[in-house]
Amino acid sequence: MAMASSPAPLQVRLLTAADVPAAARLYHQAYAHSGEGGWDEVTAAAIITDLLRLFPDQCFAAERDGALHGIILCSSIAGARATVEELAVAPDVQRQGIGSALLDHVVAFYRGRGLPFVELVANRAAPAYAFYRRRGFRENEGYRLLGRELRGPGERPPAPGATPDGSPGSPRTRGTSDPPG
C-alpha cells in the first residue's frame, strides 16, 4: 500500500515583476464573487505594479510547487507605521492557512524592523473581517476611516491606464504620481 505524499511546504518570498500577471489574475479571481467588488485584471496589475515599484521589499507571494497561491502587498512610512494594502488568496486554496502564513510573515517582518504596529482596512460585513480579528487585528477606537467622493453624480471613472486628466498613459493609483518637473 503506497503512502500519499504530503504537499510541498508553502514558501513565502518577495513578489517580483514577473509575478504581476499571475498575481493580478489571482487577485481578480479572489474578489470577483466576494460581493466586495474587486478590480478587473488590468486595474489589479496596475495597483500591484505601483506597490511593487514603491515598496519592492514589502510585497510578498505565497507559492507551493511553483504555483502562486496568495499575495500580500504592504507599505510603510519612515518606520512609523506599516499597512497591509492588499491580501488575496486563490479561491481554490482558501481556508488552508495561506492567508495566515502571509499575515504571520508580514507581522514578523515588521516586528523585526522595530515598527510598533501594522494596520489594514477591512469591510466589517466581509468574511475577511472575522479572519483579521482572529489573527489579532483590532479596531482603533481613536480613529475612523474618512473618505470623500471625487466624482459628481453620473460621472464615470477614467478607463484603466488613463492619467488623472483622462488621457491615455501610465496608471496612477492610491495617490501616487510623478513629481512636477
N, C-alpha and C. Protein backbone atom coordinates (compact mmCIF):
# COMPACT_ATOMS: atom_id res chain seq x y z
N MET A 1 0.85 -1.18 0.00
CA MET A 1 0.00 0.00 0.00
C MET A 1 0.89 1.24 0.00
N ALA A 2 0.74 2.08 -1.00
CA ALA A 2 1.57 3.29 -1.13
C ALA A 2 1.00 4.40 -0.26
N MET A 3 1.90 5.12 0.37
CA MET A 3 1.51 6.27 1.19
C MET A 3 1.35 7.49 0.29
N ALA A 4 0.31 8.25 0.52
CA ALA A 4 0.11 9.50 -0.23
C ALA A 4 1.15 10.50 0.24
N SER A 5 1.77 11.17 -0.70
CA SER A 5 2.78 12.16 -0.31
C SER A 5 2.10 13.44 0.15
N SER A 6 2.70 14.07 1.12
CA SER A 6 2.14 15.33 1.61
C SER A 6 2.53 16.45 0.64
N PRO A 7 1.73 17.50 0.61
CA PRO A 7 2.04 18.59 -0.31
C PRO A 7 3.36 19.26 0.07
N ALA A 8 3.99 19.83 -0.92
CA ALA A 8 5.23 20.57 -0.67
C ALA A 8 4.94 21.72 0.30
N PRO A 9 5.93 22.13 1.07
CA PRO A 9 5.68 23.24 2.00
C PRO A 9 5.40 24.55 1.26
N LEU A 10 4.62 25.38 1.90
CA LEU A 10 4.32 26.70 1.37
C LEU A 10 5.55 27.57 1.54
N GLN A 11 5.91 28.30 0.51
CA GLN A 11 7.04 29.22 0.56
C GLN A 11 6.52 30.65 0.46
N VAL A 12 6.97 31.51 1.36
CA VAL A 12 6.66 32.93 1.26
C VAL A 12 7.94 33.62 0.82
N ARG A 13 7.84 34.37 -0.26
CA ARG A 13 9.01 35.04 -0.85
C ARG A 13 8.59 36.41 -1.33
N LEU A 14 9.59 37.20 -1.73
CA LEU A 14 9.28 38.51 -2.31
C LEU A 14 8.55 38.34 -3.64
N LEU A 15 7.57 39.18 -3.86
CA LEU A 15 6.87 39.24 -5.13
C LEU A 15 7.81 39.91 -6.13
N THR A 16 7.77 39.50 -7.38
CA THR A 16 8.62 40.10 -8.40
C THR A 16 7.76 40.64 -9.55
N ALA A 17 8.38 41.43 -10.40
CA ALA A 17 7.66 41.95 -11.57
C ALA A 17 7.16 40.81 -12.45
N ALA A 18 7.91 39.71 -12.51
CA ALA A 18 7.48 38.57 -13.32
C ALA A 18 6.19 37.94 -12.78
N ASP A 19 5.89 38.15 -11.51
CA ASP A 19 4.68 37.60 -10.89
C ASP A 19 3.43 38.41 -11.17
N VAL A 20 3.57 39.64 -11.66
CA VAL A 20 2.43 40.56 -11.75
C VAL A 20 1.26 39.98 -12.55
N PRO A 21 1.43 39.41 -13.73
CA PRO A 21 0.26 38.88 -14.45
C PRO A 21 -0.49 37.81 -13.64
N ALA A 22 0.24 36.86 -13.06
CA ALA A 22 -0.41 35.81 -12.27
C ALA A 22 -1.02 36.39 -11.00
N ALA A 23 -0.36 37.35 -10.38
CA ALA A 23 -0.88 37.98 -9.17
C ALA A 23 -2.16 38.76 -9.47
N ALA A 24 -2.21 39.43 -10.60
CA ALA A 24 -3.41 40.18 -10.99
C ALA A 24 -4.58 39.23 -11.25
N ARG A 25 -4.32 38.10 -11.92
CA ARG A 25 -5.37 37.10 -12.13
C ARG A 25 -5.86 36.55 -10.80
N LEU A 26 -4.92 36.22 -9.92
CA LEU A 26 -5.27 35.68 -8.61
C LEU A 26 -6.11 36.68 -7.84
N TYR A 27 -5.70 37.94 -7.83
CA TYR A 27 -6.44 38.96 -7.09
C TYR A 27 -7.86 39.09 -7.64
N HIS A 28 -7.97 39.18 -8.94
CA HIS A 28 -9.28 39.32 -9.57
C HIS A 28 -10.17 38.11 -9.23
N GLN A 29 -9.62 36.90 -9.34
CA GLN A 29 -10.40 35.70 -9.04
C GLN A 29 -10.80 35.65 -7.56
N ALA A 30 -9.92 36.08 -6.68
CA ALA A 30 -10.21 36.02 -5.25
C ALA A 30 -11.37 36.93 -4.87
N TYR A 31 -11.52 38.05 -5.55
CA TYR A 31 -12.56 39.01 -5.18
C TYR A 31 -13.72 39.11 -6.16
N ALA A 32 -13.65 38.41 -7.27
CA ALA A 32 -14.68 38.54 -8.31
C ALA A 32 -16.08 38.20 -7.82
N HIS A 33 -16.20 37.22 -6.93
CA HIS A 33 -17.53 36.78 -6.48
C HIS A 33 -17.71 37.01 -4.98
N SER A 34 -16.92 37.90 -4.42
CA SER A 34 -16.95 38.11 -2.97
C SER A 34 -18.03 39.07 -2.52
N GLY A 35 -18.60 39.81 -3.46
CA GLY A 35 -19.54 40.85 -3.07
C GLY A 35 -18.83 42.13 -2.70
N GLU A 36 -17.50 42.12 -2.68
CA GLU A 36 -16.72 43.31 -2.36
C GLU A 36 -16.27 44.04 -3.62
N GLY A 37 -16.66 43.53 -4.77
CA GLY A 37 -16.28 44.20 -6.00
C GLY A 37 -14.95 43.69 -6.50
N GLY A 38 -13.89 44.29 -6.07
CA GLY A 38 -12.59 43.92 -6.58
C GLY A 38 -12.32 44.63 -7.89
N TRP A 39 -11.16 44.44 -8.41
CA TRP A 39 -10.75 45.10 -9.64
C TRP A 39 -10.68 44.11 -10.77
N ASP A 40 -10.78 44.63 -11.98
CA ASP A 40 -10.50 43.80 -13.14
C ASP A 40 -9.00 43.55 -13.17
N GLU A 41 -8.55 42.63 -14.02
CA GLU A 41 -7.14 42.26 -14.03
C GLU A 41 -6.22 43.42 -14.42
N VAL A 42 -6.67 44.29 -15.32
CA VAL A 42 -5.84 45.42 -15.75
C VAL A 42 -5.60 46.37 -14.57
N THR A 43 -6.67 46.69 -13.84
CA THR A 43 -6.54 47.59 -12.69
C THR A 43 -5.72 46.91 -11.59
N ALA A 44 -5.98 45.62 -11.35
CA ALA A 44 -5.20 44.89 -10.34
C ALA A 44 -3.72 44.91 -10.70
N ALA A 45 -3.39 44.68 -11.96
CA ALA A 45 -1.98 44.69 -12.38
C ALA A 45 -1.35 46.06 -12.17
N ALA A 46 -2.10 47.13 -12.44
CA ALA A 46 -1.58 48.49 -12.24
C ALA A 46 -1.30 48.75 -10.76
N ILE A 47 -2.22 48.34 -9.91
CA ILE A 47 -2.04 48.56 -8.46
C ILE A 47 -0.87 47.74 -7.94
N ILE A 48 -0.81 46.48 -8.33
CA ILE A 48 0.29 45.61 -7.89
C ILE A 48 1.62 46.18 -8.38
N THR A 49 1.67 46.62 -9.62
CA THR A 49 2.90 47.19 -10.19
C THR A 49 3.33 48.43 -9.42
N ASP A 50 2.39 49.32 -9.13
CA ASP A 50 2.73 50.54 -8.37
C ASP A 50 3.25 50.20 -6.98
N LEU A 51 2.57 49.32 -6.26
CA LEU A 51 3.03 48.97 -4.91
C LEU A 51 4.37 48.27 -4.95
N LEU A 52 4.56 47.42 -5.94
CA LEU A 52 5.84 46.72 -6.09
C LEU A 52 6.97 47.70 -6.42
N ARG A 53 6.67 48.71 -7.23
CA ARG A 53 7.67 49.72 -7.57
C ARG A 53 8.03 50.56 -6.34
N LEU A 54 7.02 50.93 -5.55
CA LEU A 54 7.25 51.79 -4.39
C LEU A 54 7.80 51.05 -3.18
N PHE A 55 7.38 49.80 -2.99
CA PHE A 55 7.75 49.02 -1.80
C PHE A 55 8.19 47.61 -2.19
N PRO A 56 9.26 47.48 -2.98
CA PRO A 56 9.63 46.16 -3.51
C PRO A 56 10.03 45.15 -2.43
N ASP A 57 10.44 45.63 -1.27
CA ASP A 57 10.82 44.72 -0.20
C ASP A 57 9.68 44.41 0.76
N GLN A 58 8.45 44.88 0.42
CA GLN A 58 7.31 44.72 1.31
C GLN A 58 6.10 44.09 0.61
N CYS A 59 6.33 43.48 -0.54
CA CYS A 59 5.29 42.79 -1.28
C CYS A 59 5.71 41.32 -1.39
N PHE A 60 4.83 40.42 -0.94
CA PHE A 60 5.21 39.01 -0.82
C PHE A 60 4.24 38.10 -1.56
N ALA A 61 4.76 36.94 -1.95
CA ALA A 61 3.99 35.91 -2.64
C ALA A 61 4.07 34.62 -1.83
N ALA A 62 2.99 33.87 -1.82
CA ALA A 62 2.99 32.53 -1.23
C ALA A 62 2.85 31.56 -2.39
N GLU A 63 3.77 30.60 -2.45
CA GLU A 63 3.71 29.62 -3.53
C GLU A 63 4.01 28.22 -3.01
N ARG A 64 3.51 27.27 -3.75
CA ARG A 64 3.77 25.85 -3.46
C ARG A 64 3.98 25.18 -4.80
N ASP A 65 5.04 24.43 -4.89
CA ASP A 65 5.36 23.72 -6.14
C ASP A 65 5.35 24.66 -7.35
N GLY A 66 5.83 25.89 -7.16
CA GLY A 66 5.93 26.85 -8.25
C GLY A 66 4.63 27.55 -8.61
N ALA A 67 3.52 27.21 -7.95
CA ALA A 67 2.23 27.83 -8.25
C ALA A 67 1.96 28.95 -7.23
N LEU A 68 1.58 30.10 -7.73
CA LEU A 68 1.24 31.24 -6.89
C LEU A 68 -0.12 31.00 -6.24
N HIS A 69 -0.15 31.05 -4.89
CA HIS A 69 -1.40 30.79 -4.16
C HIS A 69 -1.92 32.00 -3.41
N GLY A 70 -1.07 33.00 -3.17
CA GLY A 70 -1.52 34.18 -2.44
C GLY A 70 -0.51 35.30 -2.54
N ILE A 71 -1.00 36.52 -2.30
CA ILE A 71 -0.14 37.70 -2.29
C ILE A 71 -0.53 38.59 -1.11
N ILE A 72 0.44 39.31 -0.61
CA ILE A 72 0.18 40.35 0.38
C ILE A 72 1.06 41.53 -0.01
N LEU A 73 0.44 42.68 -0.17
CA LEU A 73 1.11 43.89 -0.62
C LEU A 73 1.07 44.89 0.53
N CYS A 74 2.24 45.35 0.95
CA CYS A 74 2.33 46.21 2.13
C CYS A 74 3.13 47.46 1.83
N SER A 75 3.04 48.40 2.76
CA SER A 75 3.81 49.64 2.67
C SER A 75 4.16 50.06 4.09
N SER A 76 5.16 50.92 4.19
CA SER A 76 5.48 51.52 5.49
C SER A 76 6.02 52.92 5.23
N ILE A 77 5.88 53.75 6.26
CA ILE A 77 6.30 55.14 6.16
C ILE A 77 7.26 55.45 7.28
N ALA A 78 8.50 55.73 6.93
CA ALA A 78 9.53 56.22 7.86
C ALA A 78 9.63 55.41 9.14
N GLY A 79 9.37 54.13 9.07
CA GLY A 79 9.47 53.30 10.26
C GLY A 79 8.43 53.61 11.32
N ALA A 80 7.42 54.43 10.98
CA ALA A 80 6.42 54.83 11.97
C ALA A 80 5.20 53.92 11.95
N ARG A 81 4.84 53.42 10.77
CA ARG A 81 3.69 52.52 10.69
C ARG A 81 3.79 51.70 9.42
N ALA A 82 3.17 50.54 9.46
CA ALA A 82 3.11 49.65 8.31
C ALA A 82 1.65 49.40 7.99
N THR A 83 1.37 49.21 6.71
CA THR A 83 0.00 48.98 6.27
C THR A 83 -0.06 47.77 5.34
N VAL A 84 -1.00 46.87 5.60
CA VAL A 84 -1.32 45.82 4.65
C VAL A 84 -2.27 46.47 3.66
N GLU A 85 -1.79 46.68 2.45
CA GLU A 85 -2.61 47.33 1.42
C GLU A 85 -3.59 46.35 0.80
N GLU A 86 -3.11 45.16 0.50
CA GLU A 86 -3.95 44.14 -0.15
C GLU A 86 -3.49 42.75 0.27
N LEU A 87 -4.44 41.86 0.42
CA LEU A 87 -4.18 40.44 0.69
C LEU A 87 -5.17 39.65 -0.14
N ALA A 88 -4.69 38.67 -0.88
CA ALA A 88 -5.57 37.84 -1.69
C ALA A 88 -5.02 36.42 -1.73
N VAL A 89 -5.93 35.46 -1.65
CA VAL A 89 -5.59 34.04 -1.75
C VAL A 89 -6.46 33.45 -2.85
N ALA A 90 -5.86 32.61 -3.69
CA ALA A 90 -6.60 31.98 -4.78
C ALA A 90 -7.81 31.23 -4.22
N PRO A 91 -8.97 31.35 -4.86
CA PRO A 91 -10.19 30.73 -4.33
C PRO A 91 -10.08 29.23 -4.07
N ASP A 92 -9.36 28.51 -4.92
CA ASP A 92 -9.30 27.05 -4.76
C ASP A 92 -8.41 26.59 -3.62
N VAL A 93 -7.67 27.51 -2.99
CA VAL A 93 -6.82 27.14 -1.86
C VAL A 93 -7.10 27.99 -0.61
N GLN A 94 -8.24 28.69 -0.61
CA GLN A 94 -8.60 29.45 0.58
C GLN A 94 -8.93 28.50 1.71
N ARG A 95 -8.79 28.99 2.94
CA ARG A 95 -9.07 28.23 4.16
C ARG A 95 -8.09 27.07 4.35
N GLN A 96 -6.86 27.27 3.83
CA GLN A 96 -5.81 26.27 4.00
C GLN A 96 -4.58 26.86 4.70
N GLY A 97 -4.75 28.03 5.32
CA GLY A 97 -3.65 28.63 6.09
C GLY A 97 -2.74 29.56 5.31
N ILE A 98 -3.04 29.80 4.05
CA ILE A 98 -2.17 30.63 3.22
C ILE A 98 -2.27 32.10 3.63
N GLY A 99 -3.47 32.62 3.84
CA GLY A 99 -3.63 33.99 4.31
C GLY A 99 -2.96 34.18 5.66
N SER A 100 -3.12 33.20 6.56
CA SER A 100 -2.48 33.28 7.88
C SER A 100 -0.96 33.28 7.75
N ALA A 101 -0.43 32.44 6.87
CA ALA A 101 1.02 32.40 6.66
C ALA A 101 1.54 33.74 6.15
N LEU A 102 0.80 34.36 5.21
CA LEU A 102 1.22 35.65 4.69
C LEU A 102 1.16 36.73 5.78
N LEU A 103 0.08 36.76 6.55
CA LEU A 103 -0.02 37.74 7.64
C LEU A 103 1.07 37.51 8.69
N ASP A 104 1.31 36.26 9.06
CA ASP A 104 2.36 35.95 10.05
C ASP A 104 3.72 36.42 9.54
N HIS A 105 3.96 36.22 8.26
CA HIS A 105 5.23 36.64 7.67
C HIS A 105 5.40 38.16 7.77
N VAL A 106 4.35 38.89 7.43
CA VAL A 106 4.40 40.35 7.46
C VAL A 106 4.56 40.87 8.89
N VAL A 107 3.83 40.29 9.83
CA VAL A 107 3.96 40.70 11.24
C VAL A 107 5.39 40.49 11.72
N ALA A 108 5.97 39.33 11.43
CA ALA A 108 7.36 39.06 11.82
C ALA A 108 8.33 40.01 11.11
N PHE A 109 8.08 40.27 9.84
CA PHE A 109 8.92 41.18 9.06
C PHE A 109 8.97 42.56 9.69
N TYR A 110 7.80 43.13 9.99
CA TYR A 110 7.77 44.48 10.56
C TYR A 110 8.22 44.50 12.02
N ARG A 111 7.91 43.46 12.76
CA ARG A 111 8.41 43.37 14.15
C ARG A 111 9.94 43.38 14.12
N GLY A 112 10.52 42.67 13.19
CA GLY A 112 11.98 42.63 13.04
C GLY A 112 12.57 43.98 12.67
N ARG A 113 11.79 44.83 12.06
CA ARG A 113 12.24 46.18 11.71
C ARG A 113 11.94 47.18 12.82
N GLY A 114 11.33 46.72 13.90
CA GLY A 114 11.06 47.59 15.03
C GLY A 114 9.84 48.47 14.91
N LEU A 115 8.96 48.20 13.95
CA LEU A 115 7.75 49.02 13.82
C LEU A 115 6.77 48.69 14.95
N PRO A 116 6.04 49.70 15.43
CA PRO A 116 5.16 49.48 16.58
C PRO A 116 3.87 48.74 16.26
N PHE A 117 3.37 48.83 15.04
CA PHE A 117 2.13 48.13 14.68
C PHE A 117 1.97 48.07 13.18
N VAL A 118 1.07 47.21 12.76
CA VAL A 118 0.70 47.11 11.35
C VAL A 118 -0.82 47.29 11.29
N GLU A 119 -1.27 48.03 10.29
CA GLU A 119 -2.68 48.34 10.15
C GLU A 119 -3.20 47.83 8.82
N LEU A 120 -4.53 47.73 8.75
CA LEU A 120 -5.19 47.40 7.49
C LEU A 120 -6.62 47.91 7.57
N VAL A 121 -7.26 48.00 6.43
CA VAL A 121 -8.66 48.40 6.36
C VAL A 121 -9.45 47.16 5.96
N ALA A 122 -10.52 46.88 6.70
CA ALA A 122 -11.35 45.71 6.40
C ALA A 122 -12.82 46.10 6.43
N ASN A 123 -13.58 45.54 5.52
CA ASN A 123 -15.02 45.73 5.47
C ASN A 123 -15.64 44.86 6.57
N ARG A 124 -16.35 45.48 7.50
CA ARG A 124 -16.95 44.72 8.61
C ARG A 124 -17.91 43.64 8.15
N ALA A 125 -18.52 43.81 7.00
CA ALA A 125 -19.50 42.84 6.51
C ALA A 125 -18.85 41.68 5.74
N ALA A 126 -17.56 41.77 5.45
CA ALA A 126 -16.89 40.75 4.66
C ALA A 126 -16.35 39.62 5.56
N PRO A 127 -16.28 38.41 5.04
CA PRO A 127 -15.72 37.30 5.83
C PRO A 127 -14.28 37.57 6.30
N ALA A 128 -13.54 38.35 5.53
CA ALA A 128 -12.15 38.64 5.90
C ALA A 128 -12.07 39.39 7.23
N TYR A 129 -13.09 40.14 7.58
CA TYR A 129 -13.08 40.90 8.84
C TYR A 129 -12.89 39.96 10.03
N ALA A 130 -13.67 38.89 10.09
CA ALA A 130 -13.53 37.92 11.18
C ALA A 130 -12.17 37.25 11.13
N PHE A 131 -11.68 36.97 9.93
CA PHE A 131 -10.34 36.38 9.78
C PHE A 131 -9.28 37.29 10.40
N TYR A 132 -9.32 38.58 10.09
CA TYR A 132 -8.34 39.52 10.64
C TYR A 132 -8.48 39.60 12.16
N ARG A 133 -9.69 39.60 12.65
CA ARG A 133 -9.91 39.64 14.10
C ARG A 133 -9.27 38.41 14.77
N ARG A 134 -9.46 37.24 14.18
CA ARG A 134 -8.85 36.01 14.72
C ARG A 134 -7.33 36.08 14.69
N ARG A 135 -6.79 36.86 13.77
CA ARG A 135 -5.33 36.98 13.64
C ARG A 135 -4.78 38.10 14.52
N GLY A 136 -5.60 38.70 15.38
CA GLY A 136 -5.12 39.69 16.35
C GLY A 136 -5.31 41.14 15.97
N PHE A 137 -5.93 41.42 14.83
CA PHE A 137 -6.17 42.80 14.43
C PHE A 137 -7.42 43.32 15.15
N ARG A 138 -7.34 44.56 15.63
CA ARG A 138 -8.44 45.17 16.36
C ARG A 138 -8.77 46.53 15.77
N GLU A 139 -10.01 46.95 15.94
CA GLU A 139 -10.40 48.28 15.50
C GLU A 139 -9.72 49.31 16.39
N ASN A 140 -9.32 50.40 15.77
CA ASN A 140 -8.72 51.50 16.51
C ASN A 140 -9.85 52.41 16.96
N GLU A 141 -10.06 52.49 18.26
CA GLU A 141 -11.17 53.28 18.79
C GLU A 141 -10.97 54.78 18.62
N GLY A 142 -9.72 55.21 18.45
CA GLY A 142 -9.45 56.64 18.35
C GLY A 142 -9.57 57.21 16.95
N TYR A 143 -9.62 56.36 15.94
CA TYR A 143 -9.62 56.84 14.57
C TYR A 143 -10.75 56.19 13.78
N ARG A 144 -11.23 56.89 12.79
CA ARG A 144 -12.22 56.37 11.85
C ARG A 144 -11.74 56.70 10.45
N LEU A 145 -11.99 55.78 9.55
CA LEU A 145 -11.64 55.99 8.15
C LEU A 145 -12.64 56.98 7.56
N LEU A 146 -12.13 58.03 6.98
CA LEU A 146 -12.96 59.04 6.32
C LEU A 146 -12.67 59.00 4.83
N GLY A 147 -13.64 59.31 4.03
CA GLY A 147 -13.44 59.34 2.59
C GLY A 147 -14.25 60.47 1.98
N ARG A 148 -13.88 60.83 0.77
CA ARG A 148 -14.60 61.89 0.06
C ARG A 148 -14.76 61.47 -1.38
N GLU A 149 -15.97 61.52 -1.88
CA GLU A 149 -16.25 61.18 -3.27
C GLU A 149 -15.64 62.25 -4.16
N LEU A 150 -14.97 61.83 -5.22
CA LEU A 150 -14.29 62.77 -6.11
C LEU A 150 -15.00 62.95 -7.44
N ARG A 151 -15.98 62.12 -7.72
CA ARG A 151 -16.75 62.25 -8.97
C ARG A 151 -18.14 62.77 -8.64
N GLY A 152 -18.65 63.55 -9.55
CA GLY A 152 -20.01 64.04 -9.40
C GLY A 152 -21.01 62.98 -9.80
N PRO A 153 -22.30 63.22 -9.54
CA PRO A 153 -23.34 62.26 -9.92
C PRO A 153 -23.29 61.96 -11.41
N GLY A 154 -23.28 60.70 -11.75
CA GLY A 154 -23.29 60.28 -13.15
C GLY A 154 -21.92 60.29 -13.82
N GLU A 155 -20.90 60.81 -13.17
CA GLU A 155 -19.55 60.81 -13.75
C GLU A 155 -19.00 59.40 -13.74
N ARG A 156 -18.35 59.03 -14.82
CA ARG A 156 -17.77 57.70 -14.92
C ARG A 156 -16.29 57.77 -14.57
N PRO A 157 -15.75 56.71 -13.96
CA PRO A 157 -14.32 56.69 -13.66
C PRO A 157 -13.51 56.63 -14.95
N PRO A 158 -12.27 57.10 -14.91
CA PRO A 158 -11.43 57.01 -16.11
C PRO A 158 -11.15 55.55 -16.45
N ALA A 159 -10.86 55.32 -17.71
CA ALA A 159 -10.52 53.97 -18.16
C ALA A 159 -9.21 53.54 -17.51
N PRO A 160 -9.05 52.23 -17.24
CA PRO A 160 -7.77 51.75 -16.71
C PRO A 160 -6.64 52.19 -17.62
N GLY A 161 -5.57 52.67 -17.02
CA GLY A 161 -4.42 53.11 -17.80
C GLY A 161 -4.46 54.58 -18.16
N ALA A 162 -5.55 55.27 -17.85
CA ALA A 162 -5.65 56.70 -18.15
C ALA A 162 -4.94 57.50 -17.06
N THR A 163 -4.43 58.64 -17.44
CA THR A 163 -3.81 59.55 -16.48
C THR A 163 -4.92 60.28 -15.72
N PRO A 164 -4.60 60.98 -14.64
CA PRO A 164 -5.65 61.66 -13.88
C PRO A 164 -6.52 62.61 -14.71
N ASP A 165 -5.97 63.16 -15.81
CA ASP A 165 -6.78 64.05 -16.64
C ASP A 165 -7.61 63.29 -17.68
N GLY A 166 -7.52 61.93 -17.66
CA GLY A 166 -8.32 61.10 -18.55
C GLY A 166 -7.62 60.72 -19.84
N SER A 167 -6.42 61.29 -20.10
CA SER A 167 -5.71 60.94 -21.32
C SER A 167 -4.99 59.61 -21.14
N PRO A 168 -4.73 58.89 -22.26
CA PRO A 168 -4.03 57.61 -22.13
C PRO A 168 -2.65 57.84 -21.52
N GLY A 169 -2.20 56.88 -20.78
CA GLY A 169 -0.89 57.00 -20.16
C GLY A 169 -0.71 55.96 -19.10
N SER A 170 0.26 56.18 -18.27
CA SER A 170 0.58 55.23 -17.22
C SER A 170 -0.44 55.30 -16.10
N PRO A 171 -0.87 54.14 -15.56
CA PRO A 171 -1.88 54.15 -14.50
C PRO A 171 -1.35 54.80 -13.23
N ARG A 172 -2.22 55.43 -12.52
CA ARG A 172 -1.87 56.03 -11.23
C ARG A 172 -2.88 55.53 -10.22
N THR A 173 -2.40 55.04 -9.11
CA THR A 173 -3.29 54.52 -8.08
C THR A 173 -2.89 55.03 -6.73
N ARG A 174 -3.82 55.05 -5.81
CA ARG A 174 -3.59 55.38 -4.42
C ARG A 174 -2.78 56.65 -4.23
N GLY A 175 -2.98 57.62 -5.08
CA GLY A 175 -2.35 58.91 -4.89
C GLY A 175 -0.91 58.99 -5.35
N THR A 176 -0.40 57.94 -6.01
CA THR A 176 0.98 58.03 -6.48
C THR A 176 1.01 58.89 -7.73
N SER A 177 2.03 59.67 -7.89
CA SER A 177 2.18 60.47 -9.09
C SER A 177 3.64 60.85 -9.25
N ASP A 178 3.98 61.25 -10.45
CA ASP A 178 5.33 61.72 -10.68
C ASP A 178 5.46 63.12 -10.13
N PRO A 179 6.64 63.47 -9.60
CA PRO A 179 6.81 64.83 -9.10
C PRO A 179 6.73 65.83 -10.24
N PRO A 180 6.28 67.05 -9.95
CA PRO A 180 6.23 68.04 -11.01
C PRO A 180 7.63 68.29 -11.55
N GLY A 181 7.71 68.54 -12.81
CA GLY A 181 9.07 68.72 -13.30
C GLY A 181 9.10 69.40 -14.56
